[in-house]
Amino acid sequence: GGVTRRAEHTVIPDRIVAGTLLCAAAA
């Protein structure tokens, strides 16, 4: 249960994109 309301949210950073970019730099 719960009464819904207007909301604003910021998505967390993408840990897999970050890791992929770091791997590209390492390679």
mmCIF file of all heavy atoms, coordinates in Angstrom:
data_MODEL
# 
_entry.id   MODEL 
# 
loop_
_atom_site.group_PDB 
_atom_site.id 
_atom_site.type_symbol 
_atom_site.label_atom_id 
_atom_site.label_alt_id 
_atom_site.label_comp_id 
_atom_site.label_asym_id 
_atom_site.label_entity_id 
_atom_site.label_seq_id 
_atom_site.pdbx_PDB_ins_code 
_atom_site.Cartn_x 
_atom_site.Cartn_y 
_atom_site.Cartn_z 
_atom_site.occupancy 
_atom_site.B_iso_or_equiv 
_atom_site.pdbx_formal_charge 
_atom_site.auth_seq_id 
_atom_site.auth_comp_id 
_atom_site.auth_asym_id 
_atom_site.auth_atom_id 
_atom_site.pdbx_PDB_model_num 
ATOM 1   N N   . GLY A 1 1  ? 0.806  -1.212 0.000   1.00 0.00 ? 1  GLY A N   1 
ATOM 2   C CA  . GLY A 1 1  ? 0.000  0.000  0.000   1.00 0.00 ? 1  GLY A CA  1 
ATOM 3   C C   . GLY A 1 1  ? 0.839  1.261  0.000   1.00 0.00 ? 1  GLY A C   1 
ATOM 4   O O   . GLY A 1 1  ? 2.065  1.229  0.009   1.00 0.00 ? 1  GLY A O   1 
ATOM 5   N N   . GLY A 1 2  ? 0.172  2.388  -0.047  1.00 0.00 ? 2  GLY A N   1 
ATOM 6   C CA  . GLY A 1 2  ? 0.852  3.676  -0.100  1.00 0.00 ? 2  GLY A CA  1 
ATOM 7   C C   . GLY A 1 2  ? 0.108  4.603  -1.046  1.00 0.00 ? 2  GLY A C   1 
ATOM 8   O O   . GLY A 1 2  ? -0.573 4.154  -1.972  1.00 0.00 ? 2  GLY A O   1 
ATOM 9   N N   . VAL A 1 3  ? 0.226  5.892  -0.804  1.00 0.00 ? 3  VAL A N   1 
ATOM 10  C CA  . VAL A 1 3  ? -0.410 6.902  -1.653  1.00 0.00 ? 3  VAL A CA  1 
ATOM 11  C C   . VAL A 1 3  ? 0.659  7.485  -2.565  1.00 0.00 ? 3  VAL A C   1 
ATOM 12  O O   . VAL A 1 3  ? 1.643  8.064  -2.096  1.00 0.00 ? 3  VAL A O   1 
ATOM 13  C CB  . VAL A 1 3  ? -1.065 8.013  -0.804  1.00 0.00 ? 3  VAL A CB  1 
ATOM 14  C CG1 . VAL A 1 3  ? -1.689 9.068  -1.712  1.00 0.00 ? 3  VAL A CG1 1 
ATOM 15  C CG2 . VAL A 1 3  ? -2.107 7.419  0.139   1.00 0.00 ? 3  VAL A CG2 1 
ATOM 16  N N   . THR A 1 4  ? 0.462  7.312  -3.867  1.00 0.00 ? 4  THR A N   1 
ATOM 17  C CA  . THR A 1 4  ? 1.489  7.760  -4.805  1.00 0.00 ? 4  THR A CA  1 
ATOM 18  C C   . THR A 1 4  ? 1.474  9.276  -4.948  1.00 0.00 ? 4  THR A C   1 
ATOM 19  O O   . THR A 1 4  ? 0.472  9.938  -4.692  1.00 0.00 ? 4  THR A O   1 
ATOM 20  C CB  . THR A 1 4  ? 1.295  7.109  -6.184  1.00 0.00 ? 4  THR A CB  1 
ATOM 21  O OG1 . THR A 1 4  ? 0.009  7.448  -6.697  1.00 0.00 ? 4  THR A OG1 1 
ATOM 22  C CG2 . THR A 1 4  ? 1.427  5.607  -6.091  1.00 0.00 ? 4  THR A CG2 1 
ATOM 23  N N   . ARG A 1 5  ? 2.619  9.800  -5.384  1.00 0.00 ? 5  ARG A N   1 
ATOM 24  C CA  . ARG A 1 5  ? 2.776  11.248 -5.511  1.00 0.00 ? 5  ARG A CA  1 
ATOM 25  C C   . ARG A 1 5  ? 3.713  11.557 -6.669  1.00 0.00 ? 5  ARG A C   1 
ATOM 26  O O   . ARG A 1 5  ? 4.376  10.671 -7.204  1.00 0.00 ? 5  ARG A O   1 
ATOM 27  C CB  . ARG A 1 5  ? 3.343  11.824 -4.218  1.00 0.00 ? 5  ARG A CB  1 
ATOM 28  C CG  . ARG A 1 5  ? 4.662  11.193 -3.785  1.00 0.00 ? 5  ARG A CG  1 
ATOM 29  C CD  . ARG A 1 5  ? 5.123  11.690 -2.429  1.00 0.00 ? 5  ARG A CD  1 
ATOM 30  N NE  . ARG A 1 5  ? 6.384  11.071 -2.037  1.00 0.00 ? 5  ARG A NE  1 
ATOM 31  C CZ  . ARG A 1 5  ? 6.571  10.430 -0.887  1.00 0.00 ? 5  ARG A CZ  1 
ATOM 32  N NH1 . ARG A 1 5  ? 5.572  10.303 -0.022  1.00 0.00 ? 5  ARG A NH1 1 
ATOM 33  N NH2 . ARG A 1 5  ? 7.754  9.918  -0.589  1.00 0.00 ? 5  ARG A NH2 1 
ATOM 34  N N   . ARG A 1 6  ? 3.764  12.831 -7.047  1.00 0.00 ? 6  ARG A N   1 
ATOM 35  C CA  . ARG A 1 6  ? 4.689  13.271 -8.075  1.00 0.00 ? 6  ARG A CA  1 
ATOM 36  C C   . ARG A 1 6  ? 6.113  12.990 -7.593  1.00 0.00 ? 6  ARG A C   1 
ATOM 37  O O   . ARG A 1 6  ? 6.419  13.138 -6.403  1.00 0.00 ? 6  ARG A O   1 
ATOM 38  C CB  . ARG A 1 6  ? 4.508  14.756 -8.361  1.00 0.00 ? 6  ARG A CB  1 
ATOM 39  C CG  . ARG A 1 6  ? 5.362  15.260 -9.506  1.00 0.00 ? 6  ARG A CG  1 
ATOM 40  C CD  . ARG A 1 6  ? 5.259  16.781 -9.651  1.00 0.00 ? 6  ARG A CD  1 
ATOM 41  N NE  . ARG A 1 6  ? 6.006  17.238 -10.817 1.00 0.00 ? 6  ARG A NE  1 
ATOM 42  C CZ  . ARG A 1 6  ? 7.319  17.424 -10.842 1.00 0.00 ? 6  ARG A CZ  1 
ATOM 43  N NH1 . ARG A 1 6  ? 8.046  17.176 -9.761  1.00 0.00 ? 6  ARG A NH1 1 
ATOM 44  N NH2 . ARG A 1 6  ? 7.913  17.842 -11.946 1.00 0.00 ? 6  ARG A NH2 1 
ATOM 45  N N   . ALA A 1 7  ? 6.977  12.600 -8.514  1.00 0.00 ? 7  ALA A N   1 
ATOM 46  C CA  . ALA A 1 7  ? 8.339  12.251 -8.107  1.00 0.00 ? 7  ALA A CA  1 
ATOM 47  C C   . ALA A 1 7  ? 9.334  12.741 -9.145  1.00 0.00 ? 7  ALA A C   1 
ATOM 48  O O   . ALA A 1 7  ? 9.024  12.885 -10.330 1.00 0.00 ? 7  ALA A O   1 
ATOM 49  C CB  . ALA A 1 7  ? 8.471  10.739 -7.933  1.00 0.00 ? 7  ALA A CB  1 
ATOM 50  N N   . GLU A 1 8  ? 10.557 12.990 -8.670  1.00 0.00 ? 8  GLU A N   1 
ATOM 51  C CA  . GLU A 1 8  ? 11.678 13.357 -9.535  1.00 0.00 ? 8  GLU A CA  1 
ATOM 52  C C   . GLU A 1 8  ? 12.877 12.540 -9.091  1.00 0.00 ? 8  GLU A C   1 
ATOM 53  O O   . GLU A 1 8  ? 13.185 12.478 -7.897  1.00 0.00 ? 8  GLU A O   1 
ATOM 54  C CB  . GLU A 1 8  ? 11.961 14.851 -9.432  1.00 0.00 ? 8  GLU A CB  1 
ATOM 55  C CG  . GLU A 1 8  ? 12.940 15.369 -10.471 1.00 0.00 ? 8  GLU A CG  1 
ATOM 56  C CD  . GLU A 1 8  ? 12.892 16.886 -10.625 1.00 0.00 ? 8  GLU A CD  1 
ATOM 57  O OE1 . GLU A 1 8  ? 12.026 17.520 -9.997  1.00 0.00 ? 8  GLU A OE1 1 
ATOM 58  O OE2 . GLU A 1 8  ? 13.720 17.422 -11.388 1.00 0.00 ? 8  GLU A OE2 1 
ATOM 59  N N   . HIS A 1 9  ? 13.545 11.915 -10.047 1.00 0.00 ? 9  HIS A N   1 
ATOM 60  C CA  . HIS A 1 9  ? 14.601 10.950 -9.715  1.00 0.00 ? 9  HIS A CA  1 
ATOM 61  C C   . HIS A 1 9  ? 15.746 11.061 -10.710 1.00 0.00 ? 9  HIS A C   1 
ATOM 62  O O   . HIS A 1 9  ? 15.519 11.288 -11.905 1.00 0.00 ? 9  HIS A O   1 
ATOM 63  C CB  . HIS A 1 9  ? 14.021 9.529  -9.748  1.00 0.00 ? 9  HIS A CB  1 
ATOM 64  C CG  . HIS A 1 9  ? 14.984 8.457  -9.362  1.00 0.00 ? 9  HIS A CG  1 
ATOM 65  N ND1 . HIS A 1 9  ? 15.265 8.131  -8.052  1.00 0.00 ? 9  HIS A ND1 1 
ATOM 66  C CD2 . HIS A 1 9  ? 15.759 7.632  -10.129 1.00 0.00 ? 9  HIS A CD2 1 
ATOM 67  C CE1 . HIS A 1 9  ? 16.153 7.146  -8.026  1.00 0.00 ? 9  HIS A CE1 1 
ATOM 68  N NE2 . HIS A 1 9  ? 16.481 6.833  -9.273  1.00 0.00 ? 9  HIS A NE2 1 
ATOM 69  N N   . THR A 1 10 ? 16.974 10.889 -10.216 1.00 0.00 ? 10 THR A N   1 
ATOM 70  C CA  . THR A 1 10 ? 18.158 10.836 -11.080 1.00 0.00 ? 10 THR A CA  1 
ATOM 71  C C   . THR A 1 10 ? 18.728 9.427  -11.031 1.00 0.00 ? 10 THR A C   1 
ATOM 72  O O   . THR A 1 10 ? 19.013 8.892  -9.953  1.00 0.00 ? 10 THR A O   1 
ATOM 73  C CB  . THR A 1 10 ? 19.218 11.851 -10.634 1.00 0.00 ? 10 THR A CB  1 
ATOM 74  O OG1 . THR A 1 10 ? 18.671 13.171 -10.721 1.00 0.00 ? 10 THR A OG1 1 
ATOM 75  C CG2 . THR A 1 10 ? 20.454 11.774 -11.528 1.00 0.00 ? 10 THR A CG2 1 
ATOM 76  N N   . VAL A 1 11 ? 18.886 8.823  -12.195 1.00 0.00 ? 11 VAL A N   1 
ATOM 77  C CA  . VAL A 1 11 ? 19.378 7.444  -12.296 1.00 0.00 ? 11 VAL A CA  1 
ATOM 78  C C   . VAL A 1 11 ? 20.853 7.386  -11.908 1.00 0.00 ? 11 VAL A C   1 
ATOM 79  O O   . VAL A 1 11 ? 21.632 8.290  -12.226 1.00 0.00 ? 11 VAL A O   1 
ATOM 80  C CB  . VAL A 1 11 ? 19.182 6.923  -13.735 1.00 0.00 ? 11 VAL A CB  1 
ATOM 81  C CG1 . VAL A 1 11 ? 19.702 5.494  -13.882 1.00 0.00 ? 11 VAL A CG1 1 
ATOM 82  C CG2 . VAL A 1 11 ? 17.713 7.007  -14.140 1.00 0.00 ? 11 VAL A CG2 1 
ATOM 83  N N   . ILE A 1 12 ? 21.247 6.331  -11.206 1.00 0.00 ? 12 ILE A N   1 
ATOM 84  C CA  . ILE A 1 12 ? 22.651 6.159  -10.816 1.00 0.00 ? 12 ILE A CA  1 
ATOM 85  C C   . ILE A 1 12 ? 23.533 5.984  -12.060 1.00 0.00 ? 12 ILE A C   1 
ATOM 86  O O   . ILE A 1 12 ? 23.057 5.551  -13.112 1.00 0.00 ? 12 ILE A O   1 
ATOM 87  C CB  . ILE A 1 12 ? 22.837 4.958  -9.866  1.00 0.00 ? 12 ILE A CB  1 
ATOM 88  C CG1 . ILE A 1 12 ? 22.378 3.652  -10.535 1.00 0.00 ? 12 ILE A CG1 1 
ATOM 89  C CG2 . ILE A 1 12 ? 22.135 5.189  -8.545  1.00 0.00 ? 12 ILE A CG2 1 
ATOM 90  C CD1 . ILE A 1 12 ? 22.715 2.394  -9.751  1.00 0.00 ? 12 ILE A CD1 1 
ATOM 91  N N   . PRO A 1 13 ? 24.831 6.296  -11.950 1.00 0.00 ? 13 PRO A N   1 
ATOM 92  C CA  . PRO A 1 13 ? 25.743 6.106  -13.091 1.00 0.00 ? 13 PRO A CA  1 
ATOM 93  C C   . PRO A 1 13 ? 25.865 4.633  -13.472 1.00 0.00 ? 13 PRO A C   1 
ATOM 94  O O   . PRO A 1 13 ? 25.734 3.740  -12.634 1.00 0.00 ? 13 PRO A O   1 
ATOM 95  C CB  . PRO A 1 13 ? 27.077 6.649  -12.570 1.00 0.00 ? 13 PRO A CB  1 
ATOM 96  C CG  . PRO A 1 13 ? 26.730 7.535  -11.421 1.00 0.00 ? 13 PRO A CG  1 
ATOM 97  C CD  . PRO A 1 13 ? 25.502 6.938  -10.805 1.00 0.00 ? 13 PRO A CD  1 
ATOM 98  N N   . ASP A 1 14 ? 26.132 4.414  -14.749 1.00 0.00 ? 14 ASP A N   1 
ATOM 99  C CA  . ASP A 1 14 ? 26.227 3.056  -15.274 1.00 0.00 ? 14 ASP A CA  1 
ATOM 100 C C   . ASP A 1 14 ? 27.605 2.465  -14.990 1.00 0.00 ? 14 ASP A C   1 
ATOM 101 O O   . ASP A 1 14 ? 28.602 2.839  -15.605 1.00 0.00 ? 14 ASP A O   1 
ATOM 102 C CB  . ASP A 1 14 ? 25.950 3.063  -16.781 1.00 0.00 ? 14 ASP A CB  1 
ATOM 103 C CG  . ASP A 1 14 ? 25.633 1.671  -17.315 1.00 0.00 ? 14 ASP A CG  1 
ATOM 104 O OD1 . ASP A 1 14 ? 26.384 0.729  -16.970 1.00 0.00 ? 14 ASP A OD1 1 
ATOM 105 O OD2 . ASP A 1 14 ? 24.658 1.532  -18.057 1.00 0.00 ? 14 ASP A OD2 1 
ATOM 106 N N   . ARG A 1 15 ? 27.657 1.510  -14.076 1.00 0.00 ? 15 ARG A N   1 
ATOM 107 C CA  . ARG A 1 15 ? 28.943 0.915  -13.679 1.00 0.00 ? 15 ARG A CA  1 
ATOM 108 C C   . ARG A 1 15 ? 29.547 0.074  -14.811 1.00 0.00 ? 15 ARG A C   1 
ATOM 109 O O   . ARG A 1 15 ? 30.774 -0.068 -14.891 1.00 0.00 ? 15 ARG A O   1 
ATOM 110 C CB  . ARG A 1 15 ? 28.770 0.064  -12.414 1.00 0.00 ? 15 ARG A CB  1 
ATOM 111 C CG  . ARG A 1 15 ? 27.767 -1.061 -12.537 1.00 0.00 ? 15 ARG A CG  1 
ATOM 112 C CD  . ARG A 1 15 ? 27.378 -1.610 -11.156 1.00 0.00 ? 15 ARG A CD  1 
ATOM 113 N NE  . ARG A 1 15 ? 26.297 -2.579 -11.251 1.00 0.00 ? 15 ARG A NE  1 
ATOM 114 C CZ  . ARG A 1 15 ? 26.457 -3.896 -11.175 1.00 0.00 ? 15 ARG A CZ  1 
ATOM 115 N NH1 . ARG A 1 15 ? 27.667 -4.412 -10.995 1.00 0.00 ? 15 ARG A NH1 1 
ATOM 116 N NH2 . ARG A 1 15 ? 25.426 -4.706 -11.252 1.00 0.00 ? 15 ARG A NH2 1 
ATOM 117 N N   . ILE A 1 16 ? 28.697 -0.457 -15.694 1.00 0.00 ? 16 ILE A N   1 
ATOM 118 C CA  . ILE A 1 16 ? 29.222 -1.285 -16.782 1.00 0.00 ? 16 ILE A CA  1 
ATOM 119 C C   . ILE A 1 16 ? 29.790 -0.401 -17.891 1.00 0.00 ? 16 ILE A C   1 
ATOM 120 O O   . ILE A 1 16 ? 30.840 -0.724 -18.472 1.00 0.00 ? 16 ILE A O   1 
ATOM 121 C CB  . ILE A 1 16 ? 28.133 -2.228 -17.328 1.00 0.00 ? 16 ILE A CB  1 
ATOM 122 C CG1 . ILE A 1 16 ? 27.525 -3.048 -16.181 1.00 0.00 ? 16 ILE A CG1 1 
ATOM 123 C CG2 . ILE A 1 16 ? 28.722 -3.135 -18.396 1.00 0.00 ? 16 ILE A CG2 1 
ATOM 124 C CD1 . ILE A 1 16 ? 28.532 -3.866 -15.381 1.00 0.00 ? 16 ILE A CD1 1 
ATOM 125 N N   . VAL A 1 17 ? 29.144 0.697  -18.205 1.00 0.00 ? 17 VAL A N   1 
ATOM 126 C CA  . VAL A 1 17 ? 29.708 1.643  -19.176 1.00 0.00 ? 17 VAL A CA  1 
ATOM 127 C C   . VAL A 1 17 ? 31.042 2.174  -18.663 1.00 0.00 ? 17 VAL A C   1 
ATOM 128 O O   . VAL A 1 17 ? 32.020 2.267  -19.415 1.00 0.00 ? 17 VAL A O   1 
ATOM 129 C CB  . VAL A 1 17 ? 28.727 2.793  -19.455 1.00 0.00 ? 17 VAL A CB  1 
ATOM 130 C CG1 . VAL A 1 17 ? 29.404 3.900  -20.269 1.00 0.00 ? 17 VAL A CG1 1 
ATOM 131 C CG2 . VAL A 1 17 ? 27.504 2.281  -20.213 1.00 0.00 ? 17 VAL A CG2 1 
ATOM 132 N N   . ALA A 1 18 ? 31.098 2.524  -17.371 1.00 0.00 ? 18 ALA A N   1 
ATOM 133 C CA  . ALA A 1 18 ? 32.357 3.014  -16.795 1.00 0.00 ? 18 ALA A CA  1 
ATOM 134 C C   . ALA A 1 18 ? 33.456 1.964  -16.947 1.00 0.00 ? 18 ALA A C   1 
ATOM 135 O O   . ALA A 1 18 ? 34.573 2.270  -17.384 1.00 0.00 ? 18 ALA A O   1 
ATOM 136 C CB  . ALA A 1 18 ? 32.155 3.358  -15.318 1.00 0.00 ? 18 ALA A CB  1 
ATOM 137 N N   . GLY A 1 19 ? 33.152 0.725  -16.594 1.00 0.00 ? 19 GLY A N   1 
ATOM 138 C CA  . GLY A 1 19 ? 34.144 -0.338 -16.719 1.00 0.00 ? 19 GLY A CA  1 
ATOM 139 C C   . GLY A 1 19 ? 34.567 -0.579 -18.151 1.00 0.00 ? 19 GLY A C   1 
ATOM 140 O O   . GLY A 1 19 ? 35.748 -0.831 -18.434 1.00 0.00 ? 19 GLY A O   1 
ATOM 141 N N   . THR A 1 20 ? 33.626 -0.482 -19.080 1.00 0.00 ? 20 THR A N   1 
ATOM 142 C CA  . THR A 1 20 ? 33.943 -0.685 -20.493 1.00 0.00 ? 20 THR A CA  1 
ATOM 143 C C   . THR A 1 20 ? 34.900 0.385  -21.000 1.00 0.00 ? 20 THR A C   1 
ATOM 144 O O   . THR A 1 20 ? 35.868 0.085  -21.722 1.00 0.00 ? 20 THR A O   1 
ATOM 145 C CB  . THR A 1 20 ? 32.648 -0.682 -21.328 1.00 0.00 ? 20 THR A CB  1 
ATOM 146 O OG1 . THR A 1 20 ? 31.777 -1.722 -20.862 1.00 0.00 ? 20 THR A OG1 1 
ATOM 147 C CG2 . THR A 1 20 ? 32.946 -0.899 -22.803 1.00 0.00 ? 20 THR A CG2 1 
ATOM 148 N N   . LEU A 1 21 ? 34.652 1.639  -20.645 1.00 0.00 ? 21 LEU A N   1 
ATOM 149 C CA  . LEU A 1 21 ? 35.532 2.726  -21.074 1.00 0.00 ? 21 LEU A CA  1 
ATOM 150 C C   . LEU A 1 21 ? 36.936 2.564  -20.490 1.00 0.00 ? 21 LEU A C   1 
ATOM 151 O O   . LEU A 1 21 ? 37.941 2.813  -21.174 1.00 0.00 ? 21 LEU A O   1 
ATOM 152 C CB  . LEU A 1 21 ? 34.934 4.071  -20.672 1.00 0.00 ? 21 LEU A CB  1 
ATOM 153 C CG  . LEU A 1 21 ? 33.644 4.465  -21.403 1.00 0.00 ? 21 LEU A CG  1 
ATOM 154 C CD1 . LEU A 1 21 ? 33.003 5.674  -20.736 1.00 0.00 ? 21 LEU A CD1 1 
ATOM 155 C CD2 . LEU A 1 21 ? 33.922 4.749  -22.878 1.00 0.00 ? 21 LEU A CD2 1 
ATOM 156 N N   . LEU A 1 22 ? 37.004 2.126  -19.241 1.00 0.00 ? 22 LEU A N   1 
ATOM 157 C CA  . LEU A 1 22 ? 38.310 1.900  -18.626 1.00 0.00 ? 22 LEU A CA  1 
ATOM 158 C C   . LEU A 1 22 ? 39.043 0.744  -19.312 1.00 0.00 ? 22 LEU A C   1 
ATOM 159 O O   . LEU A 1 22 ? 40.265 0.802  -19.509 1.00 0.00 ? 22 LEU A O   1 
ATOM 160 C CB  . LEU A 1 22 ? 38.142 1.626  -17.134 1.00 0.00 ? 22 LEU A CB  1 
ATOM 161 C CG  . LEU A 1 22 ? 37.664 2.822  -16.294 1.00 0.00 ? 22 LEU A CG  1 
ATOM 162 C CD1 . LEU A 1 22 ? 37.278 2.368  -14.891 1.00 0.00 ? 22 LEU A CD1 1 
ATOM 163 C CD2 . LEU A 1 22 ? 38.740 3.908  -16.229 1.00 0.00 ? 22 LEU A CD2 1 
ATOM 164 N N   . CYS A 1 23 ? 38.316 -0.285 -19.702 1.00 0.00 ? 23 CYS A N   1 
ATOM 165 C CA  . CYS A 1 23 ? 38.938 -1.403 -20.429 1.00 0.00 ? 23 CYS A CA  1 
ATOM 166 C C   . CYS A 1 23 ? 39.451 -0.940 -21.791 1.00 0.00 ? 23 CYS A C   1 
ATOM 167 O O   . CYS A 1 23 ? 40.516 -1.382 -22.246 1.00 0.00 ? 23 CYS A O   1 
ATOM 168 C CB  . CYS A 1 23 ? 37.940 -2.541 -20.595 1.00 0.00 ? 23 CYS A CB  1 
ATOM 169 S SG  . CYS A 1 23 ? 37.689 -3.520 -19.098 1.00 0.00 ? 23 CYS A SG  1 
ATOM 170 N N   . ALA A 1 24 ? 38.697 -0.078 -22.467 1.00 0.00 ? 24 ALA A N   1 
ATOM 171 C CA  . ALA A 1 24 ? 39.145 0.441  -23.756 1.00 0.00 ? 24 ALA A CA  1 
ATOM 172 C C   . ALA A 1 24 ? 40.434 1.237  -23.602 1.00 0.00 ? 24 ALA A C   1 
ATOM 173 O O   . ALA A 1 24 ? 41.350 1.127  -24.428 1.00 0.00 ? 24 ALA A O   1 
ATOM 174 C CB  . ALA A 1 24 ? 38.051 1.312  -24.375 1.00 0.00 ? 24 ALA A CB  1 
ATOM 175 N N   . ALA A 1 25 ? 40.524 2.012  -22.526 1.00 0.00 ? 25 ALA A N   1 
ATOM 176 C CA  . ALA A 1 25 ? 41.758 2.764  -22.259 1.00 0.00 ? 25 ALA A CA  1 
ATOM 177 C C   . ALA A 1 25 ? 42.913 1.810  -21.970 1.00 0.00 ? 25 ALA A C   1 
ATOM 178 O O   . ALA A 1 25 ? 44.033 1.996  -22.462 1.00 0.00 ? 25 ALA A O   1 
ATOM 179 C CB  . ALA A 1 25 ? 41.540 3.723  -21.099 1.00 0.00 ? 25 ALA A CB  1 
ATOM 180 N N   . ALA A 1 26 ? 42.630 0.770  -21.170 1.00 0.00 ? 26 ALA A N   1 
ATOM 181 C CA  . ALA A 1 26 ? 43.679 -0.194 -20.820 1.00 0.00 ? 26 ALA A CA  1 
ATOM 182 C C   . ALA A 1 26 ? 44.187 -0.932 -22.048 1.00 0.00 ? 26 ALA A C   1 
ATOM 183 O O   . ALA A 1 26 ? 45.394 -1.172 -22.198 1.00 0.00 ? 26 ALA A O   1 
ATOM 184 C CB  . ALA A 1 26 ? 43.146 -1.185 -19.785 1.00 0.00 ? 26 ALA A CB  1 
ATOM 185 N N   . ALA A 1 27 ? 43.287 -1.295 -22.960 1.00 0.00 ? 27 ALA A N   1 
ATOM 186 C CA  . ALA A 1 27 ? 43.669 -2.060 -24.144 1.00 0.00 ? 27 ALA A CA  1 
ATOM 187 C C   . ALA A 1 27 ? 44.542 -1.258 -25.092 1.00 0.00 ? 27 ALA A C   1 
ATOM 188 O O   . ALA A 1 27 ? 45.367 -1.828 -25.824 1.00 0.00 ? 27 ALA A O   1 
ATOM 189 C CB  . ALA A 1 27 ? 42.417 -2.539 -24.875 1.00 0.00 ? 27 ALA A CB  1 
# 
